[in-house]
Amino acid sequence: MSAARFFVAGKVQGVWFRASTREQAVALDLRGYANNLRDGRVEVLAVGEEAAIERLAQWLRQGPPMARVDTLLREAASESEAGEGFVCG
């Protein structure tokens, strides 16, 4: 089991980014969350198999059709930070 936190910047709020991220994460059997941040970025916590997290990271680099991702930062996270399922905040 692995955990990673992502910070996605660009045109990522108001374009269904969090909901689309949740769909991808659920399909990959990941736990965690996607939250809008006050500075316009989206924070994503993903917990699960490393290969699934990497697939989510690849998707996050582009996001849904209406999004524009300028930067994607990844940092280590703790598995204990995720609850059950994957939620949008």
N, C-alpha and C. Protein backbone atom coordinates (compact mmCIF):
# COMPACT_ATOMS: atom_id res chain seq x y z
N MET A 1 0.85 -1.17 0.00
CA MET A 1 0.00 0.00 0.00
C MET A 1 0.90 1.24 0.00
N SER A 2 0.54 2.21 -0.81
CA SER A 2 1.29 3.46 -0.94
C SER A 2 0.35 4.64 -0.77
N ALA A 3 0.92 5.81 -0.56
CA ALA A 3 0.13 7.05 -0.44
C ALA A 3 0.91 8.19 -1.06
N ALA A 4 0.17 9.09 -1.73
CA ALA A 4 0.79 10.27 -2.34
C ALA A 4 -0.19 11.43 -2.29
N ARG A 5 0.37 12.63 -2.16
CA ARG A 5 -0.42 13.86 -2.21
C ARG A 5 0.01 14.63 -3.44
N PHE A 6 -0.97 15.11 -4.19
CA PHE A 6 -0.71 15.88 -5.40
C PHE A 6 -1.29 17.27 -5.26
N PHE A 7 -0.61 18.24 -5.84
CA PHE A 7 -1.12 19.60 -5.94
C PHE A 7 -1.16 19.94 -7.42
N VAL A 8 -2.36 20.22 -7.92
CA VAL A 8 -2.57 20.45 -9.34
C VAL A 8 -2.91 21.93 -9.54
N ALA A 9 -2.14 22.61 -10.39
CA ALA A 9 -2.36 24.03 -10.66
C ALA A 9 -2.67 24.24 -12.12
N GLY A 10 -3.44 25.30 -12.39
CA GLY A 10 -3.86 25.65 -13.74
C GLY A 10 -5.33 26.01 -13.71
N LYS A 11 -6.02 25.69 -14.76
CA LYS A 11 -7.48 25.87 -14.79
C LYS A 11 -8.09 24.57 -14.30
N VAL A 12 -8.18 24.44 -12.97
CA VAL A 12 -8.59 23.17 -12.37
C VAL A 12 -9.77 23.32 -11.41
N GLN A 13 -10.30 24.52 -11.26
CA GLN A 13 -11.51 24.70 -10.46
C GLN A 13 -12.62 25.17 -11.39
N GLY A 14 -13.83 24.63 -11.15
CA GLY A 14 -14.97 24.99 -11.97
C GLY A 14 -15.02 24.27 -13.31
N VAL A 15 -14.26 23.18 -13.43
CA VAL A 15 -14.22 22.42 -14.69
C VAL A 15 -14.42 20.92 -14.45
N TRP A 16 -15.08 20.58 -13.34
CA TRP A 16 -15.36 19.18 -12.97
C TRP A 16 -14.10 18.39 -12.66
N PHE A 17 -13.04 19.07 -12.23
CA PHE A 17 -11.78 18.37 -11.96
C PHE A 17 -11.91 17.40 -10.79
N ARG A 18 -12.48 17.86 -9.68
CA ARG A 18 -12.59 16.98 -8.50
C ARG A 18 -13.47 15.78 -8.77
N ALA A 19 -14.63 16.00 -9.38
CA ALA A 19 -15.55 14.89 -9.66
C ALA A 19 -14.92 13.90 -10.63
N SER A 20 -14.23 14.40 -11.63
CA SER A 20 -13.57 13.52 -12.59
C SER A 20 -12.42 12.76 -11.94
N THR A 21 -11.71 13.42 -11.03
CA THR A 21 -10.64 12.75 -10.29
C THR A 21 -11.22 11.63 -9.45
N ARG A 22 -12.35 11.89 -8.82
CA ARG A 22 -13.00 10.85 -8.01
C ARG A 22 -13.37 9.65 -8.88
N GLU A 23 -13.93 9.89 -10.06
CA GLU A 23 -14.28 8.78 -10.96
C GLU A 23 -13.06 7.94 -11.30
N GLN A 24 -11.95 8.61 -11.62
CA GLN A 24 -10.71 7.90 -11.95
C GLN A 24 -10.22 7.11 -10.74
N ALA A 25 -10.22 7.73 -9.56
CA ALA A 25 -9.71 7.08 -8.36
C ALA A 25 -10.55 5.86 -7.99
N VAL A 26 -11.86 5.99 -8.07
CA VAL A 26 -12.75 4.87 -7.74
C VAL A 26 -12.49 3.71 -8.71
N ALA A 27 -12.34 4.02 -9.99
CA ALA A 27 -12.06 2.98 -11.00
C ALA A 27 -10.73 2.29 -10.72
N LEU A 28 -9.80 3.01 -10.10
CA LEU A 28 -8.47 2.45 -9.79
C LEU A 28 -8.41 1.86 -8.38
N ASP A 29 -9.55 1.84 -7.68
CA ASP A 29 -9.64 1.29 -6.32
C ASP A 29 -8.74 2.03 -5.34
N LEU A 30 -8.73 3.35 -5.44
CA LEU A 30 -7.95 4.19 -4.54
C LEU A 30 -8.85 4.84 -3.49
N ARG A 31 -8.29 5.09 -2.32
CA ARG A 31 -8.96 5.86 -1.27
C ARG A 31 -8.34 7.24 -1.23
N GLY A 32 -9.06 8.20 -0.66
CA GLY A 32 -8.50 9.53 -0.49
C GLY A 32 -9.50 10.62 -0.73
N TYR A 33 -9.00 11.74 -1.29
CA TYR A 33 -9.89 12.89 -1.51
C TYR A 33 -9.32 13.82 -2.57
N ALA A 34 -10.20 14.69 -3.06
CA ALA A 34 -9.83 15.79 -3.95
C ALA A 34 -10.50 17.04 -3.40
N ASN A 35 -9.71 18.05 -3.06
CA ASN A 35 -10.22 19.29 -2.46
C ASN A 35 -9.74 20.51 -3.22
N ASN A 36 -10.62 21.49 -3.38
CA ASN A 36 -10.20 22.79 -3.89
C ASN A 36 -9.43 23.52 -2.79
N LEU A 37 -8.37 24.20 -3.18
CA LEU A 37 -7.63 25.04 -2.26
C LEU A 37 -7.93 26.51 -2.55
N ARG A 38 -7.78 27.35 -1.56
CA ARG A 38 -8.08 28.77 -1.71
C ARG A 38 -7.24 29.46 -2.78
N ASP A 39 -6.04 28.93 -3.03
CA ASP A 39 -5.15 29.55 -4.01
C ASP A 39 -5.44 29.13 -5.45
N GLY A 40 -6.53 28.37 -5.66
CA GLY A 40 -6.92 27.98 -7.01
C GLY A 40 -6.45 26.60 -7.43
N ARG A 41 -5.61 25.97 -6.61
CA ARG A 41 -5.15 24.62 -6.93
C ARG A 41 -6.14 23.59 -6.41
N VAL A 42 -5.93 22.34 -6.84
CA VAL A 42 -6.66 21.20 -6.30
C VAL A 42 -5.65 20.29 -5.61
N GLU A 43 -5.97 19.87 -4.39
CA GLU A 43 -5.16 18.92 -3.64
C GLU A 43 -5.80 17.54 -3.77
N VAL A 44 -5.00 16.54 -4.09
CA VAL A 44 -5.49 15.17 -4.23
C VAL A 44 -4.65 14.26 -3.35
N LEU A 45 -5.30 13.49 -2.49
CA LEU A 45 -4.64 12.46 -1.70
C LEU A 45 -5.08 11.12 -2.26
N ALA A 46 -4.12 10.26 -2.58
CA ALA A 46 -4.43 8.94 -3.12
C ALA A 46 -3.71 7.87 -2.32
N VAL A 47 -4.46 6.84 -1.90
CA VAL A 47 -3.91 5.73 -1.14
C VAL A 47 -4.33 4.44 -1.82
N GLY A 48 -3.37 3.56 -2.08
CA GLY A 48 -3.66 2.28 -2.72
C GLY A 48 -2.40 1.68 -3.30
N GLU A 49 -2.56 0.85 -4.29
CA GLU A 49 -1.41 0.23 -4.94
C GLU A 49 -0.61 1.27 -5.70
N GLU A 50 0.72 1.18 -5.65
CA GLU A 50 1.57 2.17 -6.30
C GLU A 50 1.28 2.29 -7.79
N ALA A 51 1.02 1.19 -8.46
CA ALA A 51 0.72 1.24 -9.90
C ALA A 51 -0.55 2.04 -10.17
N ALA A 52 -1.55 1.90 -9.31
CA ALA A 52 -2.80 2.66 -9.46
C ALA A 52 -2.57 4.14 -9.20
N ILE A 53 -1.75 4.45 -8.21
CA ILE A 53 -1.43 5.86 -7.93
C ILE A 53 -0.70 6.47 -9.11
N GLU A 54 0.20 5.73 -9.71
CA GLU A 54 0.93 6.25 -10.87
C GLU A 54 -0.01 6.47 -12.06
N ARG A 55 -0.98 5.59 -12.24
CA ARG A 55 -1.97 5.79 -13.32
C ARG A 55 -2.80 7.04 -13.05
N LEU A 56 -3.17 7.26 -11.79
CA LEU A 56 -3.90 8.48 -11.45
C LEU A 56 -3.02 9.70 -11.71
N ALA A 57 -1.75 9.63 -11.35
CA ALA A 57 -0.83 10.75 -11.58
C ALA A 57 -0.75 11.08 -13.06
N GLN A 58 -0.70 10.07 -13.91
CA GLN A 58 -0.67 10.31 -15.35
C GLN A 58 -1.94 11.03 -15.80
N TRP A 59 -3.08 10.61 -15.27
CA TRP A 59 -4.35 11.25 -15.62
C TRP A 59 -4.37 12.70 -15.11
N LEU A 60 -3.86 12.92 -13.88
CA LEU A 60 -3.87 14.26 -13.30
C LEU A 60 -3.05 15.26 -14.13
N ARG A 61 -2.07 14.78 -14.87
CA ARG A 61 -1.25 15.68 -15.69
C ARG A 61 -2.08 16.37 -16.77
N GLN A 62 -3.22 15.77 -17.12
CA GLN A 62 -4.08 16.36 -18.15
C GLN A 62 -5.45 16.74 -17.59
N GLY A 63 -6.02 15.88 -16.77
CA GLY A 63 -7.33 16.15 -16.18
C GLY A 63 -8.46 15.99 -17.18
N PRO A 64 -9.66 16.45 -16.81
CA PRO A 64 -10.82 16.33 -17.69
C PRO A 64 -10.71 17.32 -18.86
N PRO A 65 -11.57 17.16 -19.87
CA PRO A 65 -11.46 17.96 -21.10
C PRO A 65 -11.43 19.47 -20.92
N MET A 66 -12.17 20.03 -19.98
CA MET A 66 -12.23 21.48 -19.84
C MET A 66 -11.10 22.05 -18.99
N ALA A 67 -10.28 21.19 -18.40
CA ALA A 67 -9.20 21.63 -17.52
C ALA A 67 -7.93 21.96 -18.33
N ARG A 68 -7.06 22.72 -17.68
CA ARG A 68 -5.72 22.96 -18.20
C ARG A 68 -4.77 22.82 -17.02
N VAL A 69 -3.93 21.82 -17.06
CA VAL A 69 -2.99 21.58 -15.97
C VAL A 69 -1.65 22.23 -16.32
N ASP A 70 -1.23 23.18 -15.49
CA ASP A 70 0.06 23.84 -15.69
C ASP A 70 1.17 23.13 -14.93
N THR A 71 0.89 22.76 -13.69
CA THR A 71 1.89 22.04 -12.89
C THR A 71 1.23 20.97 -12.04
N LEU A 72 1.98 19.90 -11.83
CA LEU A 72 1.55 18.82 -10.95
C LEU A 72 2.71 18.51 -10.02
N LEU A 73 2.50 18.72 -8.73
CA LEU A 73 3.52 18.41 -7.73
C LEU A 73 3.08 17.19 -6.95
N ARG A 74 4.04 16.33 -6.63
CA ARG A 74 3.75 15.12 -5.85
C ARG A 74 4.63 15.12 -4.62
N GLU A 75 4.03 14.73 -3.48
CA GLU A 75 4.81 14.56 -2.26
C GLU A 75 4.32 13.32 -1.53
N ALA A 76 5.14 12.84 -0.63
CA ALA A 76 4.78 11.66 0.15
C ALA A 76 3.62 11.99 1.09
N ALA A 77 2.85 10.99 1.40
CA ALA A 77 1.72 11.14 2.32
C ALA A 77 1.62 9.88 3.16
N SER A 78 0.77 9.92 4.16
CA SER A 78 0.55 8.78 5.04
C SER A 78 -0.77 8.10 4.69
N GLU A 79 -0.76 6.78 4.69
CA GLU A 79 -1.98 6.02 4.42
C GLU A 79 -3.09 6.38 5.39
N SER A 80 -2.73 6.74 6.61
CA SER A 80 -3.73 7.03 7.65
C SER A 80 -4.50 8.32 7.38
N GLU A 81 -4.05 9.13 6.44
CA GLU A 81 -4.74 10.38 6.12
C GLU A 81 -6.04 10.17 5.35
N ALA A 82 -6.19 9.00 4.75
CA ALA A 82 -7.38 8.72 3.93
C ALA A 82 -8.41 7.94 4.75
N GLY A 83 -9.65 8.32 4.58
CA GLY A 83 -10.72 7.56 5.20
C GLY A 83 -11.16 6.45 4.26
N GLU A 84 -12.39 6.05 4.39
CA GLU A 84 -12.95 5.04 3.50
C GLU A 84 -13.36 5.68 2.18
N GLY A 85 -13.14 5.03 1.08
CA GLY A 85 -13.57 5.52 -0.22
C GLY A 85 -12.78 6.72 -0.68
N PHE A 86 -13.32 7.41 -1.67
CA PHE A 86 -12.69 8.60 -2.22
C PHE A 86 -13.74 9.70 -2.27
N VAL A 87 -13.45 10.83 -1.63
CA VAL A 87 -14.45 11.89 -1.49
C VAL A 87 -13.94 13.19 -2.09
N CYS A 88 -14.89 14.05 -2.43
CA CYS A 88 -14.58 15.40 -2.89
C CYS A 88 -14.98 16.38 -1.80
N GLY A 89 -14.11 17.30 -1.49
CA GLY A 89 -14.40 18.27 -0.45
C GLY A 89 -14.62 19.64 -1.01
